[in-house]
Amino acid sequence: MDGVAYEIHHFGEHWPIETGKTDLYKLAVGAVKITNMGKDYIHYFGPWKWVDCPDYYDDAVKDWYQKHWAAGVPRCHPNMYYFINGFPFGCGKRRRVGGENDGYSTMGELKWLI
């Protein structure tokens, strides 16, 4: 791979997105620059919060992606890749795995993203 990978979590220093360490607009500028240079950009996201978390809210994963896209992170680009890490972590450890028709499961989130 020739490019950049950025990892962001629903936990720790990245949460919540509004006050976390990631500046979405700077992230977007970098992602656009890298992809326009013909290099790959991997947006590595997860693990994420789930209903067991005290600060969970409905559609938290979709909300985060939509905030990234609204800031200018490429949504559809031949050099832009999204990797969702469904690793069971912290209060997200009881997240359901599937199936695709369950919009709140790991596979349902992947189907939505695709």
C-alpha atoms as a PDB file:
ATOM      1  CA  MET A   1       0.000   0.000   0.000  1.00  0.00           C
ATOM      2  CA  ASP A   2       1.168   3.472  -0.806  1.00  0.00           C
ATOM      3  CA  GLY A   3      -0.817   5.950   1.219  1.00  0.00           C
ATOM      4  CA  VAL A   4      -2.184   6.622   4.688  1.00  0.00           C
ATOM      5  CA  ALA A   5      -4.296   4.807   7.255  1.00  0.00           C
ATOM      6  CA  TYR A   6      -6.078   6.693  10.036  1.00  0.00           C
ATOM      7  CA  GLU A   7      -7.511   4.920  13.072  1.00  0.00           C
ATOM      8  CA  ILE A   8     -10.314   6.436  15.131  1.00  0.00           C
ATOM      9  CA  HIS A   9     -12.258   4.965  18.065  1.00  0.00           C
ATOM     10  CA  HIS A  10     -15.537   5.514  19.838  1.00  0.00           C
ATOM     11  CA  PHE A  11     -13.499   5.361  23.044  1.00  0.00           C
ATOM     12  CA  GLY A  12     -10.851   7.335  24.882  1.00  0.00           C
ATOM     13  CA  GLU A  13      -9.351  10.452  23.339  1.00  0.00           C
ATOM     14  CA  HIS A  14     -11.527  10.352  20.204  1.00  0.00           C
ATOM     15  CA  TRP A  15     -14.866  10.413  22.036  1.00  0.00           C
ATOM     16  CA  PRO A  16     -17.026  12.357  21.701  1.00  0.00           C
ATOM     17  CA  ILE A  17     -16.241  13.502  18.156  1.00  0.00           C
ATOM     18  CA  GLU A  18     -17.129  17.118  18.916  1.00  0.00           C
ATOM     19  CA  THR A  19     -14.506  17.448  21.659  1.00  0.00           C
ATOM     20  CA  GLY A  20     -12.177  14.555  20.864  1.00  0.00           C
ATOM     21  CA  LYS A  21      -8.648  14.733  19.531  1.00  0.00           C
ATOM     22  CA  THR A  22      -9.583  14.441  15.840  1.00  0.00           C
ATOM     23  CA  ASP A  23     -10.273  17.639  13.926  1.00  0.00           C
ATOM     24  CA  LEU A  24     -12.616  16.384  11.214  1.00  0.00           C
ATOM     25  CA  TYR A  25     -11.854  19.262   8.852  1.00  0.00           C
ATOM     26  CA  LYS A  26      -8.092  18.667   9.024  1.00  0.00           C
ATOM     27  CA  LEU A  27      -8.736  14.954   8.586  1.00  0.00           C
ATOM     28  CA  ALA A  28     -10.835  15.708   5.492  1.00  0.00           C
ATOM     29  CA  VAL A  29      -8.173  17.985   3.959  1.00  0.00           C
ATOM     30  CA  GLY A  30      -5.559  15.257   4.410  1.00  0.00           C
ATOM     31  CA  ALA A  31      -7.810  12.520   3.046  1.00  0.00           C
ATOM     32  CA  VAL A  32      -8.712  14.547  -0.037  1.00  0.00           C
ATOM     33  CA  LYS A  33      -5.065  15.426  -0.663  1.00  0.00           C
ATOM     34  CA  ILE A  34      -3.917  11.807  -0.364  1.00  0.00           C
ATOM     35  CA  THR A  35      -6.686  10.356  -2.539  1.00  0.00           C
ATOM     36  CA  ASN A  36      -6.265  13.067  -5.184  1.00  0.00           C
ATOM     37  CA  MET A  37      -2.565  12.182  -5.378  1.00  0.00           C
ATOM     38  CA  GLY A  38      -3.669   8.680  -6.426  1.00  0.00           C
ATOM     39  CA  LYS A  39      -2.605   7.175  -3.108  1.00  0.00           C
ATOM     40  CA  ASP A  40      -4.752   4.998  -0.874  1.00  0.00           C
ATOM     41  CA  TYR A  41      -6.458   6.243   2.260  1.00  0.00           C
ATOM     42  CA  ILE A  42      -7.786   3.745   4.785  1.00  0.00           C
ATOM     43  CA  HIS A  43     -10.276   5.051   7.326  1.00  0.00           C
ATOM     44  CA  TYR A  44     -10.006   2.537  10.163  1.00  0.00           C
ATOM     45  CA  PHE A  45     -12.942   2.899  12.548  1.00  0.00           C
ATOM     46  CA  GLY A  46     -13.710   0.972  15.708  1.00  0.00           C
ATOM     47  CA  PRO A  47     -14.295  -0.508  18.075  1.00  0.00           C
ATOM     48  CA  TRP A  48     -17.488   1.391  18.693  1.00  0.00           C
ATOM     49  CA  LYS A  49     -19.986   1.992  21.472  1.00  0.00           C
ATOM     50  CA  TRP A  50     -23.075  -0.091  21.988  1.00  0.00           C
ATOM     51  CA  VAL A  51     -26.226   0.010  24.109  1.00  0.00           C
ATOM     52  CA  ASP A  52     -24.337  -1.107  27.236  1.00  0.00           C
ATOM     53  CA  CYS A  53     -22.359   2.152  27.194  1.00  0.00           C
ATOM     54  CA  PRO A  54     -23.780   4.941  29.340  1.00  0.00           C
ATOM     55  CA  ASP A  55     -23.115   7.505  26.580  1.00  0.00           C
ATOM     56  CA  TYR A  56     -24.440   5.390  23.701  1.00  0.00           C
ATOM     57  CA  TYR A  57     -27.017   6.929  21.408  1.00  0.00           C
ATOM     58  CA  ASP A  58     -29.024   5.423  18.581  1.00  0.00           C
ATOM     59  CA  ASP A  59     -27.151   5.051  15.270  1.00  0.00           C
ATOM     60  CA  ALA A  60     -23.866   6.256  16.796  1.00  0.00           C
ATOM     61  CA  VAL A  61     -21.763   4.573  14.081  1.00  0.00           C
ATOM     62  CA  LYS A  62     -23.808   6.019  11.223  1.00  0.00           C
ATOM     63  CA  ASP A  63     -23.789   9.425  12.910  1.00  0.00           C
ATOM     64  CA  TRP A  64     -19.982   9.381  13.122  1.00  0.00           C
ATOM     65  CA  TYR A  65     -19.564   8.478   9.461  1.00  0.00           C
ATOM     66  CA  GLN A  66     -22.061  11.131   8.398  1.00  0.00           C
ATOM     67  CA  LYS A  67     -20.160  13.744  10.431  1.00  0.00           C
ATOM     68  CA  HIS A  68     -16.917  12.709   8.715  1.00  0.00           C
ATOM     69  CA  TRP A  69     -18.528  12.948   5.280  1.00  0.00           C
ATOM     70  CA  ALA A  70     -20.131  16.290   6.100  1.00  0.00           C
ATOM     71  CA  ALA A  71     -16.669  17.590   7.033  1.00  0.00           C
ATOM     72  CA  GLY A  72     -15.395  16.564   3.587  1.00  0.00           C
ATOM     73  CA  VAL A  73     -13.858  13.120   4.087  1.00  0.00           C
ATOM     74  CA  PRO A  74     -14.298  11.342   0.712  1.00  0.00           C
ATOM     75  CA  ARG A  75     -17.318   9.106   0.752  1.00  0.00           C
ATOM     76  CA  CYS A  76     -16.890   7.446  -2.623  1.00  0.00           C
ATOM     77  CA  HIS A  77     -13.435   7.558  -4.167  1.00  0.00           C
ATOM     78  CA  PRO A  78     -11.475   4.761  -5.864  1.00  0.00           C
ATOM     79  CA  ASN A  79      -8.601   5.277  -3.401  1.00  0.00           C
ATOM     80  CA  MET A  80     -10.735   5.606  -0.254  1.00  0.00           C
ATOM     81  CA  TYR A  81     -11.264   2.501   1.867  1.00  0.00           C
ATOM     82  CA  TYR A  82     -13.333   2.044   5.009  1.00  0.00           C
ATOM     83  CA  PHE A  83     -12.423  -0.615   7.535  1.00  0.00           C
ATOM     84  CA  ILE A  84     -14.802  -1.236  10.422  1.00  0.00           C
ATOM     85  CA  ASN A  85     -13.242  -3.010  13.391  1.00  0.00           C
ATOM     86  CA  GLY A  86     -16.041  -4.839  15.163  1.00  0.00           C
ATOM     87  CA  PHE A  87     -13.689  -6.043  17.900  1.00  0.00           C
ATOM     88  CA  PRO A  88     -15.621  -6.570  21.146  1.00  0.00           C
ATOM     89  CA  PHE A  89     -14.238  -3.901  23.456  1.00  0.00           C
ATOM     90  CA  GLY A  90     -15.454  -2.314  26.678  1.00  0.00           C
ATOM     91  CA  CYS A  91     -19.164  -1.617  26.773  1.00  0.00           C
ATOM     92  CA  GLY A  92     -19.416  -2.540  23.082  1.00  0.00           C
ATOM     93  CA  LYS A  93     -18.478  -6.155  23.759  1.00  0.00           C
ATOM     94  CA  ARG A  94     -22.044  -7.449  23.572  1.00  0.00           C
ATOM     95  CA  ARG A  95     -22.730  -6.007  20.122  1.00  0.00           C
ATOM     96  CA  ARG A  96     -24.567  -8.435  17.862  1.00  0.00           C
ATOM     97  CA  VAL A  97     -22.722  -9.882  14.876  1.00  0.00           C
ATOM     98  CA  GLY A  98     -25.431 -10.356  12.252  1.00  0.00           C
ATOM     99  CA  GLY A  99     -27.326 -10.519  10.025  1.00  0.00           C
ATOM    100  CA  GLU A 100     -27.441  -7.933   7.308  1.00  0.00           C
ATOM    101  CA  ASN A 101     -31.131  -7.199   7.856  1.00  0.00           C
ATOM    102  CA  ASP A 102     -30.388  -6.045  11.429  1.00  0.00           C
ATOM    103  CA  GLY A 103     -29.198  -2.456  11.053  1.00  0.00           C
ATOM    104  CA  TYR A 104     -27.765  -2.505  14.580  1.00  0.00           C
ATOM    105  CA  SER A 105     -25.526  -5.536  14.111  1.00  0.00           C
ATOM    106  CA  THR A 106     -21.944  -5.570  12.840  1.00  0.00           C
ATOM    107  CA  MET A 107     -23.047  -7.033   9.505  1.00  0.00           C
ATOM    108  CA  GLY A 108     -25.963  -4.577   9.308  1.00  0.00           C
ATOM    109  CA  GLU A 109     -23.566  -1.656   9.821  1.00  0.00           C
ATOM    110  CA  LEU A 110     -21.284  -3.016   7.093  1.00  0.00           C
ATOM    111  CA  LYS A 111     -24.231  -3.409   4.707  1.00  0.00           C
ATOM    112  CA  TRP A 112     -25.233   0.207   5.420  1.00  0.00           C
ATOM    113  CA  LEU A 113     -21.684   1.422   4.811  1.00  0.00           C
ATOM    114  CA  ILE A 114     -21.387  -0.480   1.524  1.00  0.00           C
END
